[in-house]
């Protein structure tokens, strides 16, 4: 998956002379206070914290006067966000305190989620001297993550005078656990989504399809429900289909739209993603009118199953655009 907004372009607005000057003063004051108090830089604070709405001011805003704070928004249902957190936690140790990682679970911190304008998870922001900037969204290759972190640290020092202490990762506590937020009752939409997931896991495809459609009738933009519906409909379409017979039919009749749609579904279920996309792009090229529109819509549905940020989807979108335009 290719990350979006993988840049430090937001730094330009944060580097105004007045803001940078005030930030440098705050950073110098914070360092002086720490020295006066005799604090040991190697054990003063953890490298990874779990932040909540209640602790955001002290854990992020105040701390950002002394060290860049990287905020990673994640969700338990989003496996990629947990994978990215694991990479960022390891890098926090390797960077020896040059930045602090704050993780925020989106469902427990809806207000933060909205205030930062998060469009989906994983999403990573930075806070310097109390000012926020987007870093990237999506699961990024580690070399690109480190490139952005290096830029962030350089900007923090050059423009804001903020230099994180050199921390021994073995001496610093690995993670500071924030007090758990009070439990909240699930919303009707969350309950409906859970019921849809349960039906899909149980193999009740027709029930899952109905449940996902119910969620989308109330929340048309719910990405999780869109993905679940696309998966359930895909599995429902290939139930009872003889794979070999379907592929033979598609090979013998390149102009048979239904045969190509069925073969593409089987390709995707079998893990042959590029084959499925390529088959349908070729079918779009050979068809016109309603048939072309039918194939195009099926291809868009399969994009939903794989995920819009997958590079194979990006390549197929480009190929589709060449065919259509």
C-alpha atoms as a PDB file:
ATOM      1  CA  UNK A   1       0.000   0.000   0.000  1.00  0.00           C
ATOM      2  CA  UNK A   2       1.390   3.341  -0.969  1.00  0.00           C
ATOM      3  CA  UNK A   3       1.195   6.061   1.695  1.00  0.00           C
ATOM      4  CA  UNK A   4      -0.569   9.309   0.974  1.00  0.00           C
ATOM      5  CA  UNK A   5       0.669  12.753   2.031  1.00  0.00           C
ATOM      6  CA  UNK A   6       4.152  11.287   2.512  1.00  0.00           C
ATOM      7  CA  UNK A   7       5.900  14.641   2.756  1.00  0.00           C
ATOM      8  CA  UNK A   8       6.777  17.506   5.036  1.00  0.00           C
ATOM      9  CA  UNK A   9       4.942  20.099   2.954  1.00  0.00           C
ATOM     10  CA  UNK A  10       2.856  21.130   5.956  1.00  0.00           C
ATOM     11  CA  UNK A  11       5.980  22.405   7.674  1.00  0.00           C
ATOM     12  CA  UNK A  12       6.000  25.580   5.612  1.00  0.00           C
ATOM     13  CA  UNK A  13       2.971  26.971   7.413  1.00  0.00           C
ATOM     14  CA  UNK A  14       4.354  25.979  10.789  1.00  0.00           C
ATOM     15  CA  UNK A  15       7.682  27.682  10.245  1.00  0.00           C
ATOM     16  CA  UNK A  16       6.520  31.274  10.519  1.00  0.00           C
ATOM     17  CA  UNK A  17       9.105  33.429  12.210  1.00  0.00           C
ATOM     18  CA  UNK A  18       6.950  34.293  15.200  1.00  0.00           C
ATOM     19  CA  UNK A  19       5.872  30.714  15.850  1.00  0.00           C
ATOM     20  CA  UNK A  20       9.394  29.402  15.483  1.00  0.00           C
ATOM     21  CA  UNK A  21      10.772  32.028  17.825  1.00  0.00           C
ATOM     22  CA  UNK A  22       8.179  31.271  20.489  1.00  0.00           C
ATOM     23  CA  UNK A  23       8.838  27.548  20.102  1.00  0.00           C
ATOM     24  CA  UNK A  24      12.571  27.996  20.606  1.00  0.00           C
ATOM     25  CA  UNK A  25      11.965  29.949  23.792  1.00  0.00           C
ATOM     26  CA  UNK A  26       9.626  27.256  25.118  1.00  0.00           C
ATOM     27  CA  UNK A  27      12.117  24.518  24.235  1.00  0.00           C
ATOM     28  CA  UNK A  28      14.952  26.333  26.004  1.00  0.00           C
ATOM     29  CA  UNK A  29      12.773  26.921  29.077  1.00  0.00           C
ATOM     30  CA  UNK A  30      11.740  23.268  29.185  1.00  0.00           C
ATOM     31  CA  UNK A  31      15.360  22.102  28.962  1.00  0.00           C
ATOM     32  CA  UNK A  32      16.403  24.532  31.693  1.00  0.00           C
ATOM     33  CA  UNK A  33      13.597  23.358  33.980  1.00  0.00           C
ATOM     34  CA  UNK A  34      14.596  19.749  33.421  1.00  0.00           C
ATOM     35  CA  UNK A  35      18.222  20.515  34.223  1.00  0.00           C
ATOM     36  CA  UNK A  36      17.293  22.505  37.347  1.00  0.00           C
ATOM     37  CA  UNK A  37      15.199  19.595  38.530  1.00  0.00           C
ATOM     38  CA  UNK A  38      18.122  17.236  37.993  1.00  0.00           C
ATOM     39  CA  UNK A  39      16.106  15.014  35.655  1.00  0.00           C
ATOM     40  CA  UNK A  40      17.967  12.207  33.965  1.00  0.00           C
ATOM     41  CA  UNK A  41      17.365  12.477  30.209  1.00  0.00           C
ATOM     42  CA  UNK A  42      17.673   8.724  29.764  1.00  0.00           C
ATOM     43  CA  UNK A  43      14.806   7.931  32.114  1.00  0.00           C
ATOM     44  CA  UNK A  44      12.710  11.102  32.163  1.00  0.00           C
ATOM     45  CA  UNK A  45       9.946   9.804  29.911  1.00  0.00           C
ATOM     46  CA  UNK A  46       8.974   6.761  27.852  1.00  0.00           C
ATOM     47  CA  UNK A  47       9.567   6.623  24.117  1.00  0.00           C
ATOM     48  CA  UNK A  48       6.047   5.342  23.357  1.00  0.00           C
ATOM     49  CA  UNK A  49       2.850   6.525  25.014  1.00  0.00           C
ATOM     50  CA  UNK A  50      -0.785   5.683  24.561  1.00  0.00           C
ATOM     51  CA  UNK A  51      -2.683   8.951  24.400  1.00  0.00           C
ATOM     52  CA  UNK A  52      -6.352   9.689  25.078  1.00  0.00           C
ATOM     53  CA  UNK A  53      -8.459  12.813  24.796  1.00  0.00           C
ATOM     54  CA  UNK A  54      -8.003  13.325  28.538  1.00  0.00           C
ATOM     55  CA  UNK A  55      -4.194  13.127  28.395  1.00  0.00           C
ATOM     56  CA  UNK A  56      -3.646  14.820  25.035  1.00  0.00           C
ATOM     57  CA  UNK A  57      -2.696  18.213  26.441  1.00  0.00           C
ATOM     58  CA  UNK A  58      -0.082  16.928  28.882  1.00  0.00           C
ATOM     59  CA  UNK A  59       1.229  13.986  26.852  1.00  0.00           C
ATOM     60  CA  UNK A  60       1.320  15.640  23.441  1.00  0.00           C
ATOM     61  CA  UNK A  61       0.910  19.425  23.471  1.00  0.00           C
ATOM     62  CA  UNK A  62       3.160  20.114  26.457  1.00  0.00           C
ATOM     63  CA  UNK A  63       5.701  17.479  25.525  1.00  0.00           C
ATOM     64  CA  UNK A  64       5.949  18.813  21.957  1.00  0.00           C
ATOM     65  CA  UNK A  65       7.818  21.852  23.322  1.00  0.00           C
ATOM     66  CA  UNK A  66      10.741  19.532  24.150  1.00  0.00           C
ATOM     67  CA  UNK A  67      10.635  16.786  21.542  1.00  0.00           C
ATOM     68  CA  UNK A  68       8.773  16.079  18.283  1.00  0.00           C
ATOM     69  CA  UNK A  69       5.691  13.995  19.019  1.00  0.00           C
ATOM     70  CA  UNK A  70       4.514  11.602  16.306  1.00  0.00           C
ATOM     71  CA  UNK A  71       0.843  10.611  16.627  1.00  0.00           C
ATOM     72  CA  UNK A  72      -0.277   7.349  15.036  1.00  0.00           C
ATOM     73  CA  UNK A  73      -4.048   6.863  14.739  1.00  0.00           C
ATOM     74  CA  UNK A  74      -4.984   3.186  14.651  1.00  0.00           C
ATOM     75  CA  UNK A  75      -7.922   0.807  15.046  1.00  0.00           C
ATOM     76  CA  UNK A  76      -8.019  -2.776  16.243  1.00  0.00           C
ATOM     77  CA  UNK A  77      -9.933  -3.816  13.119  1.00  0.00           C
ATOM     78  CA  UNK A  78      -7.317  -2.230  10.829  1.00  0.00           C
ATOM     79  CA  UNK A  79      -4.430  -4.704  10.742  1.00  0.00           C
ATOM     80  CA  UNK A  80      -2.223  -2.367   8.720  1.00  0.00           C
ATOM     81  CA  UNK A  81      -2.429   0.295  11.421  1.00  0.00           C
ATOM     82  CA  UNK A  82      -1.146  -2.210  13.993  1.00  0.00           C
ATOM     83  CA  UNK A  83       1.667  -3.229  11.646  1.00  0.00           C
ATOM     84  CA  UNK A  84       2.681   0.412  11.235  1.00  0.00           C
ATOM     85  CA  UNK A  85       2.601   0.961  15.007  1.00  0.00           C
ATOM     86  CA  UNK A  86       5.015  -1.934  15.468  1.00  0.00           C
ATOM     87  CA  UNK A  87       7.445  -0.335  13.004  1.00  0.00           C
ATOM     88  CA  UNK A  88       7.126   3.102  14.621  1.00  0.00           C
ATOM     89  CA  UNK A  89       7.641   1.677  18.129  1.00  0.00           C
ATOM     90  CA  UNK A  90      10.840  -0.016  17.023  1.00  0.00           C
ATOM     91  CA  UNK A  91      12.047   3.157  15.306  1.00  0.00           C
ATOM     92  CA  UNK A  92      11.317   5.198  18.439  1.00  0.00           C
ATOM     93  CA  UNK A  93      13.910   3.057  20.209  1.00  0.00           C
ATOM     94  CA  UNK A  94      16.385   3.230  17.342  1.00  0.00           C
ATOM     95  CA  UNK A  95      16.108   7.039  17.200  1.00  0.00           C
ATOM     96  CA  UNK A  96      16.953   7.164  20.938  1.00  0.00           C
ATOM     97  CA  UNK A  97      14.420   9.794  21.940  1.00  0.00           C
ATOM     98  CA  UNK A  98      14.744  12.134  18.962  1.00  0.00           C
ATOM     99  CA  UNK A  99      10.968  11.751  18.718  1.00  0.00           C
ATOM    100  CA  UNK A 100       8.220  10.369  20.968  1.00  0.00           C
ATOM    101  CA  UNK A 101       5.510   8.118  19.552  1.00  0.00           C
ATOM    102  CA  UNK A 102       1.943   8.656  20.767  1.00  0.00           C
ATOM    103  CA  UNK A 103      -0.621   6.076  19.644  1.00  0.00           C
ATOM    104  CA  UNK A 104      -4.340   6.941  19.621  1.00  0.00           C
ATOM    105  CA  UNK A 105      -7.084   4.348  19.103  1.00  0.00           C
ATOM    106  CA  UNK A 106      -9.680   6.062  16.929  1.00  0.00           C
ATOM    107  CA  UNK A 107     -12.865   4.555  18.345  1.00  0.00           C
ATOM    108  CA  UNK A 108     -11.876   5.547  21.883  1.00  0.00           C
ATOM    109  CA  UNK A 109     -10.799   9.025  20.778  1.00  0.00           C
ATOM    110  CA  UNK A 110     -13.427  10.218  18.340  1.00  0.00           C
ATOM    111  CA  UNK A 111     -12.876  13.886  19.224  1.00  0.00           C
ATOM    112  CA  UNK A 112      -9.161  13.695  18.387  1.00  0.00           C
ATOM    113  CA  UNK A 113     -10.017  11.736  15.240  1.00  0.00           C
ATOM    114  CA  UNK A 114     -12.292  14.582  14.103  1.00  0.00           C
ATOM    115  CA  UNK A 115     -10.036  17.434  15.213  1.00  0.00           C
ATOM    116  CA  UNK A 116      -7.122  16.088  13.197  1.00  0.00           C
ATOM    117  CA  UNK A 117      -9.359  15.501  10.173  1.00  0.00           C
ATOM    118  CA  UNK A 118      -8.353  11.855   9.899  1.00  0.00           C
ATOM    119  CA  UNK A 119      -9.842  10.229   6.792  1.00  0.00           C
ATOM    120  CA  UNK A 120      -8.881   6.642   7.651  1.00  0.00           C
ATOM    121  CA  UNK A 121      -6.311   4.538   9.441  1.00  0.00           C
ATOM    122  CA  UNK A 122      -3.433   4.180   9.637  1.00  0.00           C
ATOM    123  CA  UNK A 123      -2.819   7.936   9.709  1.00  0.00           C
ATOM    124  CA  UNK A 124       0.273   9.633  11.152  1.00  0.00           C
ATOM    125  CA  UNK A 125       0.665  13.248  12.255  1.00  0.00           C
ATOM    126  CA  UNK A 126       3.340  15.206  14.085  1.00  0.00           C
ATOM    127  CA  UNK A 127       3.092  17.928  16.717  1.00  0.00           C
ATOM    128  CA  UNK A 128       5.887  20.483  17.130  1.00  0.00           C
ATOM    129  CA  UNK A 129       5.601  23.217  19.749  1.00  0.00           C
ATOM    130  CA  UNK A 130       1.870  22.619  19.983  1.00  0.00           C
ATOM    131  CA  UNK A 131       1.333  22.842  16.218  1.00  0.00           C
ATOM    132  CA  UNK A 132       0.109  19.865  14.182  1.00  0.00           C
ATOM    133  CA  UNK A 133       1.069  18.730  10.709  1.00  0.00           C
ATOM    134  CA  UNK A 134       0.104  15.666   8.632  1.00  0.00           C
ATOM    135  CA  UNK A 135       2.897  13.228   7.825  1.00  0.00           C
ATOM    136  CA  UNK A 136       1.299  10.385   5.872  1.00  0.00           C
ATOM    137  CA  UNK A 137      -1.662   8.051   5.630  1.00  0.00           C
ATOM    138  CA  UNK A 138      -1.507   4.361   4.851  1.00  0.00           C
ATOM    139  CA  UNK A 139       1.002   1.593   5.469  1.00  0.00           C
ATOM    140  CA  UNK A 140       4.350   2.964   4.266  1.00  0.00           C
ATOM    141  CA  UNK A 141       7.640   1.219   3.450  1.00  0.00           C
ATOM    142  CA  UNK A 142      10.085   1.628   6.317  1.00  0.00           C
ATOM    143  CA  UNK A 143      12.625   3.549   4.258  1.00  0.00           C
ATOM    144  CA  UNK A 144       9.988   6.182   3.451  1.00  0.00           C
ATOM    145  CA  UNK A 145       8.936   6.338   7.097  1.00  0.00           C
ATOM    146  CA  UNK A 146      12.510   6.969   8.222  1.00  0.00           C
ATOM    147  CA  UNK A 147      12.947   9.605   5.517  1.00  0.00           C
ATOM    148  CA  UNK A 148       9.949  11.530   6.838  1.00  0.00           C
ATOM    149  CA  UNK A 149      11.117  11.119  10.450  1.00  0.00           C
ATOM    150  CA  UNK A 150      14.537  12.488   9.510  1.00  0.00           C
ATOM    151  CA  UNK A 151      12.885  15.511   7.889  1.00  0.00           C
ATOM    152  CA  UNK A 152      10.689  16.035  10.946  1.00  0.00           C
ATOM    153  CA  UNK A 153      13.662  15.945  13.330  1.00  0.00           C
ATOM    154  CA  UNK A 154      15.634  18.350  11.132  1.00  0.00           C
ATOM    155  CA  UNK A 155      12.727  20.809  10.979  1.00  0.00           C
ATOM    156  CA  UNK A 156      12.215  20.551  14.747  1.00  0.00           C
ATOM    157  CA  UNK A 157      15.832  21.534  15.402  1.00  0.00           C
ATOM    158  CA  UNK A 158      16.391  24.076  12.642  1.00  0.00           C
ATOM    159  CA  UNK A 159      13.119  25.984  12.828  1.00  0.00           C
ATOM    160  CA  UNK A 160      11.932  25.410  16.369  1.00  0.00           C
ATOM    161  CA  UNK A 161      15.096  24.728  18.338  1.00  0.00           C
ATOM    162  CA  UNK A 162      13.591  21.462  19.590  1.00  0.00           C
ATOM    163  CA  UNK A 163      16.088  18.651  20.084  1.00  0.00           C
ATOM    164  CA  UNK A 164      14.931  15.461  21.766  1.00  0.00           C
ATOM    165  CA  UNK A 165      17.276  14.074  24.438  1.00  0.00           C
ATOM    166  CA  UNK A 166      19.580  11.168  23.681  1.00  0.00           C
ATOM    167  CA  UNK A 167      17.712   8.371  25.425  1.00  0.00           C
ATOM    168  CA  UNK A 168      19.016   4.886  26.112  1.00  0.00           C
ATOM    169  CA  UNK A 169      16.109   2.738  24.839  1.00  0.00           C
ATOM    170  CA  UNK A 170      17.111   0.016  27.298  1.00  0.00           C
ATOM    171  CA  UNK A 171      16.806   2.389  30.245  1.00  0.00           C
ATOM    172  CA  UNK A 172      13.679   4.259  29.199  1.00  0.00           C
ATOM    173  CA  UNK A 173      10.313   2.611  29.808  1.00  0.00           C
ATOM    174  CA  UNK A 174       9.115   1.156  26.510  1.00  0.00           C
ATOM    175  CA  UNK A 175       5.530   2.347  26.808  1.00  0.00           C
ATOM    176  CA  UNK A 176       3.476   4.448  29.128  1.00  0.00           C
ATOM    177  CA  UNK A 177      -0.051   3.159  29.453  1.00  0.00           C
ATOM    178  CA  UNK A 178      -2.686   5.855  29.606  1.00  0.00           C
ATOM    179  CA  UNK A 179      -5.634   5.371  31.922  1.00  0.00           C
ATOM    180  CA  UNK A 180      -8.244   3.379  30.032  1.00  0.00           C
ATOM    181  CA  UNK A 181     -11.101   5.517  28.787  1.00  0.00           C
ATOM    182  CA  UNK A 182     -14.486   4.856  30.308  1.00  0.00           C
ATOM    183  CA  UNK A 183     -16.440   2.280  28.331  1.00  0.00           C
ATOM    184  CA  UNK A 184     -19.108   3.625  26.064  1.00  0.00           C
ATOM    185  CA  UNK A 185     -22.121   1.786  24.707  1.00  0.00           C
ATOM    186  CA  UNK A 186     -21.886   0.678  21.113  1.00  0.00           C
ATOM    187  CA  UNK A 187     -23.880   2.723  18.621  1.00  0.00           C
ATOM    188  CA  UNK A 188     -26.606   1.030  16.556  1.00  0.00           C
ATOM    189  CA  UNK A 189     -24.350   1.319  13.494  1.00  0.00           C
ATOM    190  CA  UNK A 190     -21.486  -0.411  15.323  1.00  0.00           C
ATOM    191  CA  UNK A 191     -23.797  -3.184  16.489  1.00  0.00           C
ATOM    192  CA  UNK A 192     -25.085  -3.644  12.944  1.00  0.00           C
ATOM    193  CA  UNK A 193     -21.532  -3.754  11.594  1.00  0.00           C
ATOM    194  CA  UNK A 194     -20.540  -6.340  14.193  1.00  0.00           C
ATOM    195  CA  UNK A 195     -23.543  -8.463  13.249  1.00  0.00           C
ATOM    196  CA  UNK A 196     -22.509  -8.230   9.586  1.00  0.00           C
ATOM    197  CA  UNK A 197     -18.944  -9.303  10.393  1.00  0.00           C
ATOM    198  CA  UNK A 198     -20.232 -12.203  12.484  1.00  0.00           C
ATOM    199  CA  UNK A 199     -22.477 -13.382   9.648  1.00  0.00           C
ATOM    200  CA  UNK A 200     -19.585 -13.217   7.184  1.00  0.00           C
ATOM    201  CA  UNK A 201     -17.298 -15.151   9.541  1.00  0.00           C
ATOM    202  CA  UNK A 202     -20.010 -17.788  10.003  1.00  0.00           C
ATOM    203  CA  UNK A 203     -20.394 -18.229   6.244  1.00  0.00           C
ATOM    204  CA  UNK A 204     -23.892 -16.744   6.192  1.00  0.00           C
ATOM    205  CA  UNK A 205     -23.223 -14.748   3.049  1.00  0.00           C
ATOM    206  CA  UNK A 206     -26.809 -13.707   2.341  1.00  0.00           C
ATOM    207  CA  UNK A 207     -27.197 -12.535   5.939  1.00  0.00           C
ATOM    208  CA  UNK A 208     -23.898 -10.663   5.774  1.00  0.00           C
ATOM    209  CA  UNK A 209     -24.890  -8.961   2.532  1.00  0.00           C
ATOM    210  CA  UNK A 210     -28.201  -7.792   4.022  1.00  0.00           C
ATOM    211  CA  UNK A 211     -26.480  -6.568   7.188  1.00  0.00           C
ATOM    212  CA  UNK A 212     -23.790  -4.634   5.334  1.00  0.00           C
ATOM    213  CA  UNK A 213     -26.402  -3.038   3.079  1.00  0.00           C
ATOM    214  CA  UNK A 214     -28.364  -1.998   6.167  1.00  0.00           C
ATOM    215  CA  UNK A 215     -25.263  -0.264   7.542  1.00  0.00           C
ATOM    216  CA  UNK A 216     -24.613   1.476   4.234  1.00  0.00           C
ATOM    217  CA  UNK A 217     -28.202   2.651   3.993  1.00  0.00           C
ATOM    218  CA  UNK A 218     -27.541   4.730   7.120  1.00  0.00           C
ATOM    219  CA  UNK A 219     -23.852   5.447   6.469  1.00  0.00           C
ATOM    220  CA  UNK A 220     -23.162   5.366   2.714  1.00  0.00           C
ATOM    221  CA  UNK A 221     -19.508   6.347   3.251  1.00  0.00           C
ATOM    222  CA  UNK A 222     -18.707   3.630   5.822  1.00  0.00           C
ATOM    223  CA  UNK A 223     -15.487   2.179   4.384  1.00  0.00           C
ATOM    224  CA  UNK A 224     -15.559  -0.917   6.596  1.00  0.00           C
ATOM    225  CA  UNK A 225     -19.088  -1.796   5.479  1.00  0.00           C
ATOM    226  CA  UNK A 226     -18.174  -1.207   1.820  1.00  0.00           C
ATOM    227  CA  UNK A 227     -15.254  -3.595   2.120  1.00  0.00           C
ATOM    228  CA  UNK A 228     -17.332  -6.209   3.944  1.00  0.00           C
ATOM    229  CA  UNK A 229     -20.120  -6.020   1.371  1.00  0.00           C
ATOM    230  CA  UNK A 230     -17.676  -6.368  -1.520  1.00  0.00           C
ATOM    231  CA  UNK A 231     -16.102  -9.422   0.112  1.00  0.00           C
ATOM    232  CA  UNK A 232     -19.449 -11.053   0.912  1.00  0.00           C
ATOM    233  CA  UNK A 233     -20.820 -10.489  -2.590  1.00  0.00           C
ATOM    234  CA  UNK A 234     -17.638 -11.853  -4.145  1.00  0.00           C
ATOM    235  CA  UNK A 235     -17.780 -15.042  -2.072  1.00  0.00           C
ATOM    236  CA  UNK A 236     -21.481 -15.396  -2.794  1.00  0.00           C
ATOM    237  CA  UNK A 237     -20.898 -15.186  -6.549  1.00  0.00           C
ATOM    238  CA  UNK A 238     -18.329 -17.995  -6.603  1.00  0.00           C
ATOM    239  CA  UNK A 239     -20.270 -20.378  -4.356  1.00  0.00           C
ATOM    240  CA  UNK A 240     -20.888 -23.646  -6.172  1.00  0.00           C
ATOM    241  CA  UNK A 241     -18.923 -22.593  -9.269  1.00  0.00           C
ATOM    242  CA  UNK A 242     -16.652 -25.226 -10.840  1.00  0.00           C
ATOM    243  CA  UNK A 243     -13.345 -23.332 -11.201  1.00  0.00           C
ATOM    244  CA  UNK A 244     -11.958 -25.394 -14.062  1.00  0.00           C
ATOM    245  CA  UNK A 245     -15.192 -25.309 -16.036  1.00  0.00           C
ATOM    246  CA  UNK A 246     -15.499 -21.551 -15.511  1.00  0.00           C
ATOM    247  CA  UNK A 247     -11.952 -20.890 -16.670  1.00  0.00           C
ATOM    248  CA  UNK A 248     -12.380 -23.149 -19.696  1.00  0.00           C
ATOM    249  CA  UNK A 249     -15.554 -21.275 -20.618  1.00  0.00           C
ATOM    250  CA  UNK A 250     -13.758 -17.907 -20.309  1.00  0.00           C
ATOM    251  CA  UNK A 251     -10.822 -19.114 -22.404  1.00  0.00           C
ATOM    252  CA  UNK A 252     -13.143 -20.476 -25.122  1.00  0.00           C
ATOM    253  CA  UNK A 253     -15.329 -17.373 -25.314  1.00  0.00           C
ATOM    254  CA  UNK A 254     -13.337 -14.145 -24.854  1.00  0.00           C
ATOM    255  CA  UNK A 255     -16.403 -12.130 -25.821  1.00  0.00           C
ATOM    256  CA  UNK A 256     -18.687 -13.747 -23.222  1.00  0.00           C
ATOM    257  CA  UNK A 257     -18.928 -11.047 -20.565  1.00  0.00           C
ATOM    258  CA  UNK A 258     -20.462 -13.243 -17.873  1.00  0.00           C
ATOM    259  CA  UNK A 259     -17.802 -15.908 -18.385  1.00  0.00           C
ATOM    260  CA  UNK A 260     -15.061 -13.294 -17.973  1.00  0.00           C
ATOM    261  CA  UNK A 261     -16.704 -11.847 -14.844  1.00  0.00           C
ATOM    262  CA  UNK A 262     -16.929 -15.282 -13.241  1.00  0.00           C
ATOM    263  CA  UNK A 263     -13.330 -16.141 -14.121  1.00  0.00           C
ATOM    264  CA  UNK A 264     -12.140 -12.814 -12.694  1.00  0.00           C
ATOM    265  CA  UNK A 265     -13.979 -13.504  -9.429  1.00  0.00           C
ATOM    266  CA  UNK A 266     -12.294 -16.905  -9.202  1.00  0.00           C
ATOM    267  CA  UNK A 267      -8.904 -15.352  -9.978  1.00  0.00           C
ATOM    268  CA  UNK A 268      -9.313 -12.887  -7.128  1.00  0.00           C
ATOM    269  CA  UNK A 269     -10.519 -15.477  -4.623  1.00  0.00           C
ATOM    270  CA  UNK A 270      -7.560 -17.638  -5.604  1.00  0.00           C
ATOM    271  CA  UNK A 271      -5.121 -14.793  -4.928  1.00  0.00           C
ATOM    272  CA  UNK A 272      -4.363 -14.017  -8.590  1.00  0.00           C
ATOM    273  CA  UNK A 273      -5.139 -10.335  -8.252  1.00  0.00           C
ATOM    274  CA  UNK A 274      -3.270  -9.047 -11.300  1.00  0.00           C
ATOM    275  CA  UNK A 275      -4.868 -11.758 -13.468  1.00  0.00           C
ATOM    276  CA  UNK A 276      -8.353 -10.766 -12.305  1.00  0.00           C
ATOM    277  CA  UNK A 277      -7.752  -7.076 -12.957  1.00  0.00           C
ATOM    278  CA  UNK A 278      -6.058  -7.687 -16.297  1.00  0.00           C
ATOM    279  CA  UNK A 279      -8.887  -9.950 -17.461  1.00  0.00           C
ATOM    280  CA  UNK A 280     -11.524  -7.309 -16.744  1.00  0.00           C
ATOM    281  CA  UNK A 281      -9.522  -4.438 -18.228  1.00  0.00           C
ATOM    282  CA  UNK A 282      -9.175  -6.481 -21.437  1.00  0.00           C
ATOM    283  CA  UNK A 283     -12.908  -7.195 -21.360  1.00  0.00           C
ATOM    284  CA  UNK A 284     -13.672  -3.479 -21.005  1.00  0.00           C
ATOM    285  CA  UNK A 285     -11.493  -2.902 -24.075  1.00  0.00           C
ATOM    286  CA  UNK A 286     -13.538  -5.410 -26.105  1.00  0.00           C
ATOM    287  CA  UNK A 287     -17.025  -4.290 -25.040  1.00  0.00           C
ATOM    288  CA  UNK A 288     -19.296  -1.294 -25.516  1.00  0.00           C
ATOM    289  CA  UNK A 289     -22.396   0.256 -24.019  1.00  0.00           C
ATOM    290  CA  UNK A 290     -24.140  -1.533 -21.167  1.00  0.00           C
ATOM    291  CA  UNK A 291     -21.798  -4.515 -21.279  1.00  0.00           C
ATOM    292  CA  UNK A 292     -18.751  -2.276 -20.875  1.00  0.00           C
ATOM    293  CA  UNK A 293     -20.395  -0.502 -17.950  1.00  0.00           C
ATOM    294  CA  UNK A 294     -21.210  -3.834 -16.286  1.00  0.00           C
ATOM    295  CA  UNK A 295     -17.577  -4.964 -16.499  1.00  0.00           C
ATOM    296  CA  UNK A 296     -16.277  -1.590 -15.331  1.00  0.00           C
ATOM    297  CA  UNK A 297     -18.510  -1.648 -12.249  1.00  0.00           C
ATOM    298  CA  UNK A 298     -17.419  -5.198 -11.405  1.00  0.00           C
ATOM    299  CA  UNK A 299     -13.787  -4.093 -11.633  1.00  0.00           C
ATOM    300  CA  UNK A 300     -14.490  -1.230  -9.238  1.00  0.00           C
ATOM    301  CA  UNK A 301     -16.084  -3.717  -6.817  1.00  0.00           C
ATOM    302  CA  UNK A 302     -12.956  -5.862  -6.913  1.00  0.00           C
ATOM    303  CA  UNK A 303     -10.872  -2.757  -6.224  1.00  0.00           C
ATOM    304  CA  UNK A 304     -12.891  -2.369  -3.005  1.00  0.00           C
ATOM    305  CA  UNK A 305     -12.036  -5.942  -1.984  1.00  0.00           C
ATOM    306  CA  UNK A 306      -8.287  -5.385  -2.353  1.00  0.00           C
ATOM    307  CA  UNK A 307      -8.254  -1.823  -1.027  1.00  0.00           C
ATOM    308  CA  UNK A 308      -7.853   1.489  -2.854  1.00  0.00           C
ATOM    309  CA  UNK A 309      -4.260   2.046  -1.677  1.00  0.00           C
ATOM    310  CA  UNK A 310      -2.895  -1.274  -2.938  1.00  0.00           C
ATOM    311  CA  UNK A 311      -0.359  -0.659  -5.752  1.00  0.00           C
ATOM    312  CA  UNK A 312      -2.020  -3.353  -7.866  1.00  0.00           C
ATOM    313  CA  UNK A 313      -5.249  -1.360  -7.707  1.00  0.00           C
ATOM    314  CA  UNK A 314      -3.418   1.812  -8.695  1.00  0.00           C
ATOM    315  CA  UNK A 315      -1.896   0.060 -11.719  1.00  0.00           C
ATOM    316  CA  UNK A 316      -5.240  -1.383 -12.765  1.00  0.00           C
ATOM    317  CA  UNK A 317      -6.932   2.015 -12.414  1.00  0.00           C
ATOM    318  CA  UNK A 318      -4.328   3.499 -14.733  1.00  0.00           C
ATOM    319  CA  UNK A 319      -4.848   0.706 -17.248  1.00  0.00           C
ATOM    320  CA  UNK A 320      -8.620   1.139 -17.058  1.00  0.00           C
ATOM    321  CA  UNK A 321      -8.335   4.883 -17.641  1.00  0.00           C
ATOM    322  CA  UNK A 322      -6.254   4.277 -20.772  1.00  0.00           C
ATOM    323  CA  UNK A 323      -8.942   1.953 -22.112  1.00  0.00           C
ATOM    324  CA  UNK A 324     -11.839   4.274 -21.325  1.00  0.00           C
ATOM    325  CA  UNK A 325     -10.281   7.554 -22.359  1.00  0.00           C
END
